[in-house]
């Protein structure tokens, strides 16, 4: 896993927790902030996935057969 995959996953989990806490205490602001953090984390994870796929493809292309 690369840095963006790890940070994205962490951010997504933190957003899930923040949203749940916001729901539990009745805070629409925290629910929205948590949902936004989840989306941000998901996007960052997907960027990391794309980076990892590109790196793997370069590695396969560079290795002689």
C-alpha atoms as a PDB file:
ATOM      1  CA  UNK A   1       0.000   0.000   0.000  1.00  0.00           C
ATOM      2  CA  UNK A   2       1.255   3.457  -0.807  1.00  0.00           C
ATOM      3  CA  UNK A   3       0.921   6.653   1.219  1.00  0.00           C
ATOM      4  CA  UNK A   4      -2.297   7.811  -0.467  1.00  0.00           C
ATOM      5  CA  UNK A   5      -3.964   4.446   0.030  1.00  0.00           C
ATOM      6  CA  UNK A   6      -3.158   4.460   3.744  1.00  0.00           C
ATOM      7  CA  UNK A   7      -4.090   8.104   4.331  1.00  0.00           C
ATOM      8  CA  UNK A   8      -7.273   7.741   2.306  1.00  0.00           C
ATOM      9  CA  UNK A   9      -8.379   4.679   4.236  1.00  0.00           C
ATOM     10  CA  UNK A  10      -7.621   6.386   7.550  1.00  0.00           C
ATOM     11  CA  UNK A  11      -9.494   9.529   6.541  1.00  0.00           C
ATOM     12  CA  UNK A  12     -12.501   7.472   5.416  1.00  0.00           C
ATOM     13  CA  UNK A  13     -12.688   5.631   8.748  1.00  0.00           C
ATOM     14  CA  UNK A  14     -12.327   8.901  10.671  1.00  0.00           C
ATOM     15  CA  UNK A  15     -15.163  10.371   8.609  1.00  0.00           C
ATOM     16  CA  UNK A  16     -17.367   7.373   9.328  1.00  0.00           C
ATOM     17  CA  UNK A  17     -16.750   7.773  13.044  1.00  0.00           C
ATOM     18  CA  UNK A  18     -17.305  11.542  12.939  1.00  0.00           C
ATOM     19  CA  UNK A  19     -20.579  11.103  11.070  1.00  0.00           C
ATOM     20  CA  UNK A  20     -21.793   8.460  13.508  1.00  0.00           C
ATOM     21  CA  UNK A  21     -20.934  10.659  16.490  1.00  0.00           C
ATOM     22  CA  UNK A  22     -22.737  13.547  14.827  1.00  0.00           C
ATOM     23  CA  UNK A  23     -25.816  11.374  14.432  1.00  0.00           C
ATOM     24  CA  UNK A  24     -25.588  10.192  18.032  1.00  0.00           C
ATOM     25  CA  UNK A  25     -25.395  13.710  19.462  1.00  0.00           C
ATOM     26  CA  UNK A  26     -27.786  15.243  16.945  1.00  0.00           C
ATOM     27  CA  UNK A  27     -25.252  17.522  15.257  1.00  0.00           C
ATOM     28  CA  UNK A  28     -25.991  18.036  11.562  1.00  0.00           C
ATOM     29  CA  UNK A  29     -22.704  19.941  11.186  1.00  0.00           C
ATOM     30  CA  UNK A  30     -20.654  16.955  12.401  1.00  0.00           C
ATOM     31  CA  UNK A  31     -22.666  14.614  10.192  1.00  0.00           C
ATOM     32  CA  UNK A  32     -21.896  16.747   7.136  1.00  0.00           C
ATOM     33  CA  UNK A  33     -18.223  17.147   8.053  1.00  0.00           C
ATOM     34  CA  UNK A  34     -17.932  13.408   8.608  1.00  0.00           C
ATOM     35  CA  UNK A  35     -19.580  12.613   5.288  1.00  0.00           C
ATOM     36  CA  UNK A  36     -17.265  15.070   3.524  1.00  0.00           C
ATOM     37  CA  UNK A  37     -14.245  13.456   5.175  1.00  0.00           C
ATOM     38  CA  UNK A  38     -15.464  10.029   4.032  1.00  0.00           C
ATOM     39  CA  UNK A  39     -15.720  11.218   0.425  1.00  0.00           C
ATOM     40  CA  UNK A  40     -12.311  12.867   0.614  1.00  0.00           C
ATOM     41  CA  UNK A  41     -10.786   9.683   2.006  1.00  0.00           C
ATOM     42  CA  UNK A  42     -12.398   7.545  -0.664  1.00  0.00           C
ATOM     43  CA  UNK A  43     -11.040   9.794  -3.404  1.00  0.00           C
ATOM     44  CA  UNK A  44      -7.553   9.795  -1.898  1.00  0.00           C
ATOM     45  CA  UNK A  45      -7.650   6.000  -1.675  1.00  0.00           C
ATOM     46  CA  UNK A  46      -8.630   5.767  -5.345  1.00  0.00           C
ATOM     47  CA  UNK A  47      -5.732   8.066  -6.284  1.00  0.00           C
ATOM     48  CA  UNK A  48      -3.428   5.720  -4.374  1.00  0.00           C
ATOM     49  CA  UNK A  49      -4.943   2.723  -6.142  1.00  0.00           C
ATOM     50  CA  UNK A  50      -4.308   4.360  -9.521  1.00  0.00           C
ATOM     51  CA  UNK A  51      -0.721   5.154  -8.526  1.00  0.00           C
ATOM     52  CA  UNK A  52      -0.152   1.567  -7.428  1.00  0.00           C
ATOM     53  CA  UNK A  53      -1.621   0.215 -10.661  1.00  0.00           C
ATOM     54  CA  UNK A  54       0.577   2.517 -12.752  1.00  0.00           C
ATOM     55  CA  UNK A  55       3.649   1.502 -10.769  1.00  0.00           C
ATOM     56  CA  UNK A  56       2.852  -2.197 -11.196  1.00  0.00           C
ATOM     57  CA  UNK A  57       2.338  -1.713 -14.917  1.00  0.00           C
ATOM     58  CA  UNK A  58       5.680   0.112 -15.255  1.00  0.00           C
ATOM     59  CA  UNK A  59       7.367  -2.659 -13.282  1.00  0.00           C
ATOM     60  CA  UNK A  60       5.873  -5.379 -15.520  1.00  0.00           C
ATOM     61  CA  UNK A  61       6.846  -3.447 -18.635  1.00  0.00           C
ATOM     62  CA  UNK A  62      10.433  -2.942 -17.444  1.00  0.00           C
ATOM     63  CA  UNK A  63      11.071  -6.553 -16.474  1.00  0.00           C
ATOM     64  CA  UNK A  64      12.471  -8.680 -19.298  1.00  0.00           C
ATOM     65  CA  UNK A  65      10.634 -11.838 -20.233  1.00  0.00           C
END
